[in-house]
């Protein structure tokens, strides 16, 4: 599922970059402003984590066989404080529950700078 999302993202990025690349000519020299925008892109903060499923079980340990502490719904706001393998330790801001959630269902959006 994650590899499909990566493939789709790569295809979309390629489709977006193609018109930009074809619009520039070989004799066009890059300007200082465009050189700065690429380095400034890394200064943008990451977007918050989001739940990819309708609901995910919050667990006491980073294991699917551990005790369930609660449920993290798609609409809930949460923070991630650490990772362990494919698991992330979260704090659900809606309910206050802290625990481990499978990284398969939680992801972090990143901003793409195409300047």
N, C-alpha and C. Protein backbone atom coordinates (compact mmCIF):
# COMPACT_ATOMS: atom_id res chain seq x y z
N UNK A 1 0.83 -1.18 0.00
CA UNK A 1 0.00 0.00 0.00
C UNK A 1 0.88 1.26 0.00
N UNK A 2 1.96 1.23 0.81
CA UNK A 2 2.86 2.37 0.89
C UNK A 2 3.61 2.54 -0.42
N UNK A 3 3.98 1.41 -1.08
CA UNK A 3 4.70 1.51 -2.34
C UNK A 3 3.80 2.06 -3.44
N UNK A 4 2.52 1.77 -3.37
CA UNK A 4 1.57 2.33 -4.34
C UNK A 4 1.47 3.84 -4.17
N UNK A 5 1.42 4.31 -2.93
CA UNK A 5 1.35 5.74 -2.66
C UNK A 5 2.61 6.44 -3.14
N UNK A 6 3.77 5.81 -2.96
CA UNK A 6 5.04 6.38 -3.42
C UNK A 6 5.06 6.45 -4.94
N UNK A 7 4.60 5.39 -5.61
CA UNK A 7 4.58 5.37 -7.07
C UNK A 7 3.65 6.44 -7.63
N UNK A 8 2.51 6.61 -7.01
CA UNK A 8 1.56 7.64 -7.46
C UNK A 8 2.15 9.03 -7.24
N UNK A 9 2.80 9.24 -6.09
CA UNK A 9 3.41 10.53 -5.80
C UNK A 9 4.52 10.84 -6.80
N UNK A 10 5.33 9.84 -7.13
CA UNK A 10 6.40 10.04 -8.09
C UNK A 10 5.85 10.36 -9.48
N UNK A 11 4.78 9.69 -9.87
CA UNK A 11 4.17 9.96 -11.17
C UNK A 11 3.59 11.37 -11.22
N UNK A 12 2.96 11.79 -10.13
CA UNK A 12 2.39 13.14 -10.09
C UNK A 12 3.48 14.18 -10.11
N UNK A 13 4.56 13.94 -9.39
CA UNK A 13 5.68 14.88 -9.36
C UNK A 13 6.31 14.99 -10.74
N UNK A 14 6.45 13.87 -11.43
CA UNK A 14 6.99 13.87 -12.79
C UNK A 14 6.09 14.62 -13.75
N UNK A 15 4.77 14.46 -13.60
CA UNK A 15 3.83 15.15 -14.47
C UNK A 15 3.85 16.65 -14.21
N UNK A 16 4.07 17.05 -12.96
CA UNK A 16 4.14 18.46 -12.64
C UNK A 16 5.44 19.09 -13.11
N UNK A 17 6.52 18.33 -13.04
CA UNK A 17 7.83 18.88 -13.40
C UNK A 17 8.04 18.93 -14.90
N UNK A 18 7.36 18.09 -15.67
CA UNK A 18 7.56 18.04 -17.11
C UNK A 18 7.28 19.36 -17.81
N UNK A 19 6.14 20.04 -17.56
CA UNK A 19 5.92 21.32 -18.23
C UNK A 19 6.96 22.38 -17.84
N UNK A 20 7.43 22.32 -16.60
CA UNK A 20 8.43 23.29 -16.15
C UNK A 20 9.74 23.05 -16.89
N UNK A 21 10.12 21.79 -17.03
CA UNK A 21 11.37 21.48 -17.71
C UNK A 21 11.30 21.80 -19.20
N UNK A 22 10.17 21.55 -19.83
CA UNK A 22 10.05 21.81 -21.25
C UNK A 22 9.94 23.30 -21.55
N UNK A 23 9.53 24.10 -20.56
CA UNK A 23 9.38 25.54 -20.78
C UNK A 23 10.71 26.26 -20.73
N UNK A 24 11.69 25.69 -20.05
CA UNK A 24 13.00 26.35 -19.98
C UNK A 24 13.82 25.98 -21.21
N UNK A 25 14.61 26.92 -21.67
CA UNK A 25 15.46 26.68 -22.83
C UNK A 25 16.87 26.37 -22.36
N UNK A 26 17.67 25.81 -23.23
CA UNK A 26 19.04 25.44 -22.88
C UNK A 26 19.89 26.68 -22.66
N UNK A 27 19.57 27.79 -23.31
CA UNK A 27 20.37 29.00 -23.17
C UNK A 27 19.98 29.83 -21.96
N UNK A 28 18.88 29.47 -21.30
CA UNK A 28 18.42 30.25 -20.16
C UNK A 28 19.30 29.94 -18.95
N UNK A 29 19.85 30.97 -18.35
CA UNK A 29 20.70 30.79 -17.17
C UNK A 29 19.83 30.88 -15.93
N UNK A 30 20.09 30.04 -14.91
CA UNK A 30 19.29 30.12 -13.69
C UNK A 30 19.54 31.44 -12.97
N UNK A 31 18.49 31.99 -12.43
CA UNK A 31 18.62 33.26 -11.72
C UNK A 31 18.93 33.00 -10.26
N UNK A 32 19.36 34.01 -9.57
CA UNK A 32 19.68 33.87 -8.15
C UNK A 32 18.43 33.56 -7.34
N UNK A 33 17.29 34.10 -7.75
CA UNK A 33 16.04 33.86 -7.02
C UNK A 33 15.64 32.40 -7.08
N UNK A 34 15.79 31.75 -8.24
CA UNK A 34 15.41 30.34 -8.33
C UNK A 34 16.38 29.46 -7.57
N UNK A 35 17.65 29.85 -7.49
CA UNK A 35 18.63 29.08 -6.72
C UNK A 35 18.32 29.18 -5.23
N UNK A 36 17.85 30.34 -4.77
CA UNK A 36 17.51 30.51 -3.36
C UNK A 36 16.24 29.77 -2.98
N UNK A 37 15.27 29.70 -3.89
CA UNK A 37 14.01 29.07 -3.55
C UNK A 37 14.16 27.58 -3.26
N UNK A 38 15.12 26.92 -3.92
CA UNK A 38 15.33 25.50 -3.66
C UNK A 38 15.86 25.28 -2.26
N UNK A 39 16.79 26.13 -1.80
CA UNK A 39 17.33 25.95 -0.46
C UNK A 39 16.33 26.41 0.60
N UNK A 40 15.51 27.43 0.29
CA UNK A 40 14.51 27.89 1.23
C UNK A 40 13.41 26.86 1.46
N UNK A 41 13.23 25.97 0.52
CA UNK A 41 12.18 24.94 0.60
C UNK A 41 12.37 24.06 1.83
N UNK A 42 13.61 23.82 2.21
CA UNK A 42 13.87 22.93 3.34
C UNK A 42 13.56 23.59 4.68
N UNK A 43 13.36 24.90 4.68
CA UNK A 43 13.04 25.61 5.91
C UNK A 43 11.57 25.50 6.27
N UNK A 44 10.71 25.04 5.35
CA UNK A 44 9.29 24.92 5.63
C UNK A 44 9.06 23.80 6.63
N UNK A 45 8.17 24.00 7.59
CA UNK A 45 7.89 22.95 8.56
C UNK A 45 7.07 21.83 7.92
N UNK A 46 7.19 20.65 8.50
CA UNK A 46 6.38 19.53 8.04
C UNK A 46 4.93 19.76 8.45
N UNK A 47 4.05 19.20 7.70
CA UNK A 47 2.65 19.22 8.08
C UNK A 47 2.44 18.18 9.17
N UNK A 48 1.36 18.28 9.94
CA UNK A 48 1.15 17.32 11.02
C UNK A 48 0.87 15.91 10.50
N UNK A 49 1.02 14.96 11.40
CA UNK A 49 0.69 13.58 11.07
C UNK A 49 -0.81 13.45 10.85
N UNK A 50 -1.19 12.44 10.09
CA UNK A 50 -2.60 12.19 9.82
C UNK A 50 -2.85 10.68 9.82
N UNK A 51 -4.09 10.29 10.11
CA UNK A 51 -4.48 8.88 10.10
C UNK A 51 -5.00 8.55 8.72
N UNK A 52 -4.51 7.45 8.16
CA UNK A 52 -4.86 7.04 6.80
C UNK A 52 -6.10 6.14 6.76
N UNK A 53 -6.53 5.65 7.90
CA UNK A 53 -7.71 4.77 7.97
C UNK A 53 -8.82 5.48 8.75
N UNK A 54 -10.00 4.86 8.80
CA UNK A 54 -11.10 5.46 9.57
C UNK A 54 -10.78 5.50 11.06
N UNK A 55 -10.15 4.45 11.55
CA UNK A 55 -9.78 4.36 12.95
C UNK A 55 -8.61 3.41 13.11
N UNK A 56 -7.77 3.69 14.12
CA UNK A 56 -6.59 2.87 14.40
C UNK A 56 -6.56 2.61 15.90
N UNK A 57 -6.20 1.40 16.29
CA UNK A 57 -6.13 1.05 17.70
C UNK A 57 -4.84 1.58 18.32
N UNK A 58 -4.98 2.25 19.46
CA UNK A 58 -3.82 2.71 20.24
C UNK A 58 -3.47 1.58 21.20
N UNK A 59 -2.21 1.17 21.20
CA UNK A 59 -1.78 0.01 21.99
C UNK A 59 -0.76 0.39 23.05
N UNK A 60 -0.62 -0.46 24.07
CA UNK A 60 0.29 -0.19 25.18
C UNK A 60 1.75 -0.41 24.80
N UNK A 61 2.01 -1.29 23.86
CA UNK A 61 3.37 -1.57 23.37
C UNK A 61 3.35 -1.57 21.85
N UNK A 62 4.52 -1.53 21.26
CA UNK A 62 4.64 -1.51 19.80
C UNK A 62 4.46 -2.91 19.24
N UNK A 63 3.28 -3.47 19.45
CA UNK A 63 2.96 -4.82 19.00
C UNK A 63 1.46 -4.93 18.80
N UNK A 64 1.06 -5.63 17.76
CA UNK A 64 -0.37 -5.80 17.50
C UNK A 64 -1.04 -6.73 18.52
N UNK A 65 -0.24 -7.44 19.32
CA UNK A 65 -0.79 -8.35 20.32
C UNK A 65 -0.85 -7.72 21.71
N UNK A 66 -0.42 -6.46 21.84
CA UNK A 66 -0.46 -5.80 23.14
C UNK A 66 -1.86 -5.27 23.45
N UNK A 67 -2.03 -4.82 24.67
CA UNK A 67 -3.33 -4.34 25.16
C UNK A 67 -3.77 -3.08 24.42
N UNK A 68 -5.03 -3.04 24.03
CA UNK A 68 -5.60 -1.87 23.38
C UNK A 68 -5.95 -0.83 24.45
N UNK A 69 -5.51 0.41 24.22
CA UNK A 69 -5.77 1.49 25.18
C UNK A 69 -6.88 2.42 24.71
N UNK A 70 -7.09 2.47 23.41
CA UNK A 70 -8.09 3.36 22.86
C UNK A 70 -8.11 3.30 21.35
N UNK A 71 -8.84 4.22 20.76
CA UNK A 71 -8.97 4.27 19.31
C UNK A 71 -8.62 5.68 18.83
N UNK A 72 -7.83 5.76 17.79
CA UNK A 72 -7.47 7.03 17.18
C UNK A 72 -8.25 7.15 15.88
N UNK A 73 -9.19 8.09 15.85
CA UNK A 73 -10.02 8.27 14.66
C UNK A 73 -9.37 9.25 13.70
N UNK A 74 -9.80 9.20 12.46
CA UNK A 74 -9.23 10.03 11.40
C UNK A 74 -9.32 11.53 11.71
N UNK A 75 -10.36 11.95 12.38
CA UNK A 75 -10.55 13.37 12.66
C UNK A 75 -9.77 13.87 13.87
N UNK A 76 -9.21 12.97 14.69
CA UNK A 76 -8.49 13.36 15.90
C UNK A 76 -7.16 14.02 15.57
N UNK A 77 -6.79 14.98 16.39
CA UNK A 77 -5.48 15.61 16.31
C UNK A 77 -4.57 14.87 17.27
N UNK A 78 -3.32 14.63 16.85
CA UNK A 78 -2.40 13.90 17.71
C UNK A 78 -0.97 14.32 17.41
N UNK A 79 -0.09 14.03 18.35
CA UNK A 79 1.33 14.32 18.16
C UNK A 79 2.10 13.01 18.24
N UNK A 80 3.21 12.98 17.56
CA UNK A 80 4.09 11.81 17.58
C UNK A 80 5.37 12.20 18.30
N UNK A 81 5.73 11.44 19.34
CA UNK A 81 6.93 11.78 20.09
C UNK A 81 8.12 10.88 19.80
N UNK A 82 7.88 9.64 19.38
CA UNK A 82 9.00 8.76 19.03
C UNK A 82 8.53 7.65 18.11
N UNK A 83 9.51 6.95 17.53
CA UNK A 83 9.24 5.84 16.62
C UNK A 83 10.02 4.61 17.06
N UNK A 84 9.46 3.46 16.75
CA UNK A 84 10.14 2.19 17.00
C UNK A 84 9.78 1.25 15.86
N UNK A 85 10.70 1.08 14.93
CA UNK A 85 10.40 0.26 13.76
C UNK A 85 9.30 0.91 12.96
N UNK A 86 8.21 0.17 12.73
CA UNK A 86 7.08 0.70 11.98
C UNK A 86 5.98 1.22 12.91
N UNK A 87 6.29 1.44 14.17
CA UNK A 87 5.31 1.92 15.15
C UNK A 87 5.68 3.33 15.59
N UNK A 88 4.67 4.13 15.91
CA UNK A 88 4.88 5.49 16.40
C UNK A 88 4.15 5.67 17.73
N UNK A 89 4.80 6.38 18.67
CA UNK A 89 4.20 6.66 19.97
C UNK A 89 3.48 7.98 19.87
N UNK A 90 2.18 7.96 20.10
CA UNK A 90 1.35 9.16 19.89
C UNK A 90 0.68 9.61 21.18
N UNK A 91 0.26 10.86 21.17
CA UNK A 91 -0.62 11.40 22.20
C UNK A 91 -1.83 11.95 21.49
N UNK A 92 -2.98 11.36 21.76
CA UNK A 92 -4.23 11.81 21.16
C UNK A 92 -4.68 13.07 21.89
N UNK A 93 -4.70 14.20 21.20
CA UNK A 93 -5.06 15.47 21.83
C UNK A 93 -6.55 15.54 22.17
N UNK A 94 -7.37 14.76 21.50
CA UNK A 94 -8.81 14.77 21.77
C UNK A 94 -9.15 14.06 23.07
N UNK A 95 -8.54 12.89 23.29
CA UNK A 95 -8.87 12.09 24.48
C UNK A 95 -7.77 12.07 25.53
N UNK A 96 -6.55 12.46 25.16
CA UNK A 96 -5.43 12.43 26.09
C UNK A 96 -4.76 11.08 26.20
N UNK A 97 -5.20 10.09 25.44
CA UNK A 97 -4.62 8.75 25.49
C UNK A 97 -3.25 8.75 24.82
N UNK A 98 -2.29 8.08 25.48
CA UNK A 98 -0.94 7.94 24.92
C UNK A 98 -0.68 6.47 24.67
N UNK A 99 -0.04 6.16 23.54
CA UNK A 99 0.27 4.78 23.23
C UNK A 99 0.86 4.63 21.85
N UNK A 100 0.99 3.39 21.43
CA UNK A 100 1.63 3.06 20.16
C UNK A 100 0.58 2.79 19.08
N UNK A 101 0.87 3.28 17.88
CA UNK A 101 0.00 3.08 16.72
C UNK A 101 0.86 2.59 15.58
N UNK A 102 0.34 1.66 14.80
CA UNK A 102 1.08 1.13 13.65
C UNK A 102 1.33 2.24 12.63
N UNK A 103 2.57 2.36 12.17
CA UNK A 103 2.95 3.35 11.17
C UNK A 103 2.34 3.08 9.81
N UNK A 104 1.74 1.92 9.63
CA UNK A 104 1.07 1.60 8.37
C UNK A 104 -0.13 2.51 8.15
N UNK A 105 -0.74 2.94 9.24
CA UNK A 105 -1.96 3.73 9.15
C UNK A 105 -1.77 5.22 9.47
N UNK A 106 -0.57 5.58 9.88
CA UNK A 106 -0.26 6.96 10.24
C UNK A 106 0.87 7.45 9.34
N UNK A 107 0.70 8.62 8.77
CA UNK A 107 1.74 9.15 7.90
C UNK A 107 1.88 10.65 8.12
N UNK A 108 2.96 11.20 7.62
CA UNK A 108 3.21 12.63 7.75
C UNK A 108 3.28 13.24 6.37
N UNK A 109 2.43 14.23 6.12
CA UNK A 109 2.48 14.94 4.86
C UNK A 109 3.69 15.87 4.87
N UNK A 110 4.28 16.06 3.70
CA UNK A 110 5.36 17.03 3.57
C UNK A 110 4.97 18.00 2.47
N UNK A 111 5.43 19.21 2.61
CA UNK A 111 5.17 20.22 1.59
C UNK A 111 6.16 20.02 0.46
N UNK A 112 5.67 20.22 -0.75
CA UNK A 112 6.54 20.11 -1.93
C UNK A 112 6.76 21.50 -2.49
N UNK A 113 8.01 21.88 -2.64
CA UNK A 113 8.34 23.19 -3.20
C UNK A 113 8.69 22.99 -4.66
N UNK A 114 7.92 23.56 -5.54
CA UNK A 114 8.14 23.40 -6.96
C UNK A 114 8.54 24.72 -7.62
N UNK A 115 9.05 25.65 -6.85
CA UNK A 115 9.45 26.94 -7.42
C UNK A 115 10.68 26.79 -8.29
